[in-house]
Amino acid sequence: MLYFVDRKGLLHAYDIKIDKDIWTFNSGAGSNNAPAIYNDKAFMINKSGELFAIDLKTGQKIWSYKTGDSMFRSPVQFRDRE
């Protein structure tokens, strides 16, 4: 499975074996950042500064957090913590 974010802020779960999107998640704002993958979750941030945790199996939002500022960098996982 390939996970990527497009410029429109859509997170895609793309199955390269069948050449098809399995699901997409709309973050509501554009993004230039790659998702961080950890413990069956994708973490992404959009240009509006909203950070999301997305379930990799379903594409559903687990939680989100508004940082209050625009963001132009990808989230990272540090020391085995979410």
N, C-alpha and C. Protein backbone atom coordinates (compact mmCIF):
# COMPACT_ATOMS: atom_id res chain seq x y z
N MET A 1 0.85 -1.18 0.00
CA MET A 1 0.00 0.00 0.00
C MET A 1 0.90 1.23 0.00
N LEU A 2 0.48 2.22 -0.75
CA LEU A 2 1.19 3.48 -0.84
C LEU A 2 0.29 4.57 -0.26
N TYR A 3 0.84 5.37 0.64
CA TYR A 3 0.09 6.47 1.26
C TYR A 3 0.75 7.78 0.85
N PHE A 4 -0.06 8.71 0.33
CA PHE A 4 0.47 10.00 -0.07
C PHE A 4 -0.61 11.06 0.02
N VAL A 5 -0.17 12.31 0.11
CA VAL A 5 -1.07 13.46 0.19
C VAL A 5 -0.89 14.27 -1.09
N ASP A 6 -1.99 14.66 -1.72
CA ASP A 6 -1.90 15.50 -2.91
C ASP A 6 -2.02 16.98 -2.52
N ARG A 7 -1.83 17.85 -3.49
CA ARG A 7 -1.84 19.30 -3.23
C ARG A 7 -3.18 19.83 -2.74
N LYS A 8 -4.25 19.08 -3.00
CA LYS A 8 -5.58 19.49 -2.54
C LYS A 8 -5.82 19.12 -1.08
N GLY A 9 -4.88 18.39 -0.48
CA GLY A 9 -5.03 17.98 0.91
C GLY A 9 -5.73 16.65 1.08
N LEU A 10 -5.80 15.85 0.01
CA LEU A 10 -6.39 14.51 0.10
C LEU A 10 -5.30 13.49 0.42
N LEU A 11 -5.52 12.72 1.47
CA LEU A 11 -4.64 11.61 1.81
C LEU A 11 -5.17 10.38 1.09
N HIS A 12 -4.33 9.73 0.32
CA HIS A 12 -4.72 8.56 -0.46
C HIS A 12 -4.09 7.29 0.10
N ALA A 13 -4.86 6.22 0.13
CA ALA A 13 -4.36 4.87 0.35
C ALA A 13 -4.49 4.18 -1.00
N TYR A 14 -3.35 3.96 -1.65
CA TYR A 14 -3.34 3.46 -3.02
C TYR A 14 -2.72 2.06 -3.05
N ASP A 15 -3.48 1.12 -3.56
CA ASP A 15 -3.00 -0.26 -3.67
C ASP A 15 -2.30 -0.42 -5.03
N ILE A 16 -0.99 -0.54 -5.00
CA ILE A 16 -0.23 -0.61 -6.25
C ILE A 16 -0.43 -1.94 -6.98
N LYS A 17 -0.86 -2.97 -6.26
CA LYS A 17 -1.09 -4.28 -6.90
C LYS A 17 -2.29 -4.27 -7.83
N ILE A 18 -3.33 -3.51 -7.45
CA ILE A 18 -4.54 -3.47 -8.28
C ILE A 18 -4.72 -2.11 -8.97
N ASP A 19 -3.75 -1.20 -8.76
CA ASP A 19 -3.77 0.11 -9.41
C ASP A 19 -5.06 0.88 -9.10
N LYS A 20 -5.35 1.02 -7.79
CA LYS A 20 -6.62 1.63 -7.39
C LYS A 20 -6.51 2.29 -6.02
N ASP A 21 -7.16 3.45 -5.87
CA ASP A 21 -7.32 4.06 -4.55
C ASP A 21 -8.24 3.18 -3.72
N ILE A 22 -7.84 2.86 -2.50
CA ILE A 22 -8.69 2.09 -1.58
C ILE A 22 -9.58 3.05 -0.80
N TRP A 23 -9.00 4.15 -0.36
CA TRP A 23 -9.77 5.20 0.29
C TRP A 23 -9.02 6.53 0.15
N THR A 24 -9.75 7.63 0.36
CA THR A 24 -9.14 8.96 0.45
C THR A 24 -9.73 9.67 1.65
N PHE A 25 -8.93 10.53 2.25
CA PHE A 25 -9.38 11.36 3.36
C PHE A 25 -9.14 12.81 2.97
N ASN A 26 -10.17 13.64 3.12
CA ASN A 26 -10.09 15.06 2.78
C ASN A 26 -9.77 15.87 4.03
N SER A 27 -8.61 16.51 4.06
CA SER A 27 -8.20 17.31 5.22
C SER A 27 -8.84 18.69 5.23
N GLY A 28 -9.49 19.08 4.13
CA GLY A 28 -10.18 20.36 4.09
C GLY A 28 -9.33 21.54 3.66
N ALA A 29 -8.04 21.32 3.45
CA ALA A 29 -7.14 22.39 2.97
C ALA A 29 -5.96 21.73 2.26
N GLY A 30 -5.31 22.48 1.41
CA GLY A 30 -4.18 21.95 0.66
C GLY A 30 -3.03 21.49 1.54
N SER A 31 -2.11 20.76 0.92
CA SER A 31 -0.95 20.26 1.65
C SER A 31 0.18 19.98 0.67
N ASN A 32 1.40 20.20 1.12
CA ASN A 32 2.60 19.84 0.37
C ASN A 32 3.43 18.83 1.14
N ASN A 33 2.84 18.19 2.13
CA ASN A 33 3.59 17.36 3.07
C ASN A 33 3.30 15.88 2.91
N ALA A 34 4.29 15.07 3.20
CA ALA A 34 4.12 13.62 3.22
C ALA A 34 3.54 13.19 4.56
N PRO A 35 2.72 12.15 4.59
CA PRO A 35 2.20 11.66 5.87
C PRO A 35 3.29 10.89 6.61
N ALA A 36 3.18 10.87 7.92
CA ALA A 36 4.01 10.00 8.77
C ALA A 36 3.14 8.79 9.11
N ILE A 37 3.72 7.60 8.99
CA ILE A 37 2.98 6.36 9.24
C ILE A 37 3.52 5.72 10.50
N TYR A 38 2.61 5.38 11.44
CA TYR A 38 3.02 4.79 12.71
C TYR A 38 1.84 4.07 13.36
N ASN A 39 2.05 2.83 13.80
CA ASN A 39 1.04 2.07 14.54
C ASN A 39 -0.34 2.08 13.87
N ASP A 40 -0.41 1.70 12.63
CA ASP A 40 -1.68 1.63 11.90
C ASP A 40 -2.40 2.96 11.77
N LYS A 41 -1.63 4.05 11.84
CA LYS A 41 -2.19 5.38 11.68
C LYS A 41 -1.32 6.18 10.71
N ALA A 42 -1.97 7.09 9.99
CA ALA A 42 -1.26 8.08 9.19
C ALA A 42 -1.46 9.43 9.88
N PHE A 43 -0.39 10.19 9.99
CA PHE A 43 -0.45 11.52 10.57
C PHE A 43 -0.13 12.51 9.47
N MET A 44 -1.00 13.48 9.29
CA MET A 44 -0.77 14.48 8.25
C MET A 44 -1.16 15.85 8.77
N ILE A 45 -0.59 16.87 8.16
CA ILE A 45 -0.93 18.25 8.52
C ILE A 45 -1.22 19.01 7.24
N ASN A 46 -2.22 19.88 7.29
CA ASN A 46 -2.55 20.66 6.11
C ASN A 46 -2.01 22.09 6.25
N LYS A 47 -2.17 22.87 5.18
CA LYS A 47 -1.64 24.24 5.18
C LYS A 47 -2.33 25.15 6.18
N SER A 48 -3.52 24.77 6.63
CA SER A 48 -4.22 25.56 7.64
C SER A 48 -3.71 25.27 9.04
N GLY A 49 -2.81 24.29 9.17
CA GLY A 49 -2.23 23.98 10.47
C GLY A 49 -3.01 22.96 11.26
N GLU A 50 -3.88 22.20 10.61
CA GLU A 50 -4.63 21.17 11.33
C GLU A 50 -3.91 19.83 11.16
N LEU A 51 -3.61 19.20 12.28
CA LEU A 51 -2.94 17.91 12.33
C LEU A 51 -3.99 16.83 12.49
N PHE A 52 -3.87 15.75 11.72
CA PHE A 52 -4.84 14.66 11.73
C PHE A 52 -4.16 13.33 12.01
N ALA A 53 -4.87 12.46 12.73
CA ALA A 53 -4.51 11.04 12.85
C ALA A 53 -5.60 10.27 12.13
N ILE A 54 -5.19 9.45 11.16
CA ILE A 54 -6.13 8.74 10.30
C ILE A 54 -5.90 7.24 10.43
N ASP A 55 -6.97 6.48 10.58
CA ASP A 55 -6.89 5.02 10.64
C ASP A 55 -6.50 4.48 9.26
N LEU A 56 -5.40 3.73 9.17
CA LEU A 56 -4.92 3.24 7.88
C LEU A 56 -5.85 2.22 7.24
N LYS A 57 -6.61 1.49 8.01
CA LYS A 57 -7.51 0.48 7.45
C LYS A 57 -8.77 1.09 6.86
N THR A 58 -9.31 2.11 7.52
CA THR A 58 -10.61 2.66 7.11
C THR A 58 -10.54 4.03 6.44
N GLY A 59 -9.47 4.78 6.68
CA GLY A 59 -9.39 6.14 6.17
C GLY A 59 -10.19 7.14 6.99
N GLN A 60 -10.66 6.73 8.15
CA GLN A 60 -11.46 7.59 9.02
C GLN A 60 -10.58 8.39 9.97
N LYS A 61 -11.00 9.62 10.25
CA LYS A 61 -10.29 10.47 11.20
C LYS A 61 -10.43 9.89 12.60
N ILE A 62 -9.31 9.75 13.30
CA ILE A 62 -9.31 9.33 14.70
C ILE A 62 -9.37 10.56 15.59
N TRP A 63 -8.54 11.54 15.28
CA TRP A 63 -8.56 12.82 15.98
C TRP A 63 -7.91 13.88 15.11
N SER A 64 -8.12 15.13 15.48
CA SER A 64 -7.44 16.24 14.81
C SER A 64 -7.13 17.31 15.85
N TYR A 65 -6.16 18.15 15.51
CA TYR A 65 -5.73 19.22 16.41
C TYR A 65 -5.40 20.45 15.58
N LYS A 66 -6.03 21.57 15.90
CA LYS A 66 -5.74 22.83 15.21
C LYS A 66 -4.60 23.54 15.92
N THR A 67 -3.49 23.70 15.20
CA THR A 67 -2.30 24.30 15.80
C THR A 67 -2.40 25.80 15.95
N GLY A 68 -3.28 26.43 15.16
CA GLY A 68 -3.44 27.87 15.24
C GLY A 68 -2.51 28.63 14.30
N ASP A 69 -1.74 27.91 13.49
CA ASP A 69 -0.82 28.54 12.55
C ASP A 69 -0.69 27.67 11.31
N SER A 70 -0.33 28.27 10.19
CA SER A 70 -0.13 27.48 8.98
C SER A 70 1.12 26.62 9.12
N MET A 71 1.11 25.46 8.46
CA MET A 71 2.22 24.51 8.56
C MET A 71 2.66 24.09 7.17
N PHE A 72 3.96 24.01 6.99
CA PHE A 72 4.51 23.62 5.70
C PHE A 72 5.56 22.53 5.84
N ARG A 73 5.49 21.73 6.89
CA ARG A 73 6.41 20.62 7.11
C ARG A 73 5.61 19.37 7.48
N SER A 74 6.21 18.22 7.22
CA SER A 74 5.56 16.95 7.53
C SER A 74 5.72 16.62 9.00
N PRO A 75 4.73 15.91 9.58
CA PRO A 75 4.89 15.45 10.97
C PRO A 75 5.93 14.33 11.02
N VAL A 76 6.56 14.18 12.17
CA VAL A 76 7.54 13.10 12.37
C VAL A 76 7.20 12.35 13.64
N GLN A 77 7.61 11.09 13.68
CA GLN A 77 7.43 10.25 14.86
C GLN A 77 8.75 10.26 15.61
N PHE A 78 8.68 10.41 16.94
CA PHE A 78 9.89 10.53 17.75
C PHE A 78 9.79 9.63 18.98
N ARG A 79 10.75 8.78 19.14
CA ARG A 79 10.86 7.92 20.33
C ARG A 79 9.63 7.11 20.65
N ASP A 80 9.08 6.47 19.64
CA ASP A 80 7.99 5.52 19.83
C ASP A 80 6.77 6.14 20.50
N ARG A 81 6.47 7.38 20.17
CA ARG A 81 5.28 8.05 20.73
C ARG A 81 4.47 8.66 19.62
N GLU A 82 3.17 8.75 19.85
CA GLU A 82 2.29 9.40 18.87
C GLU A 82 2.13 10.85 19.24
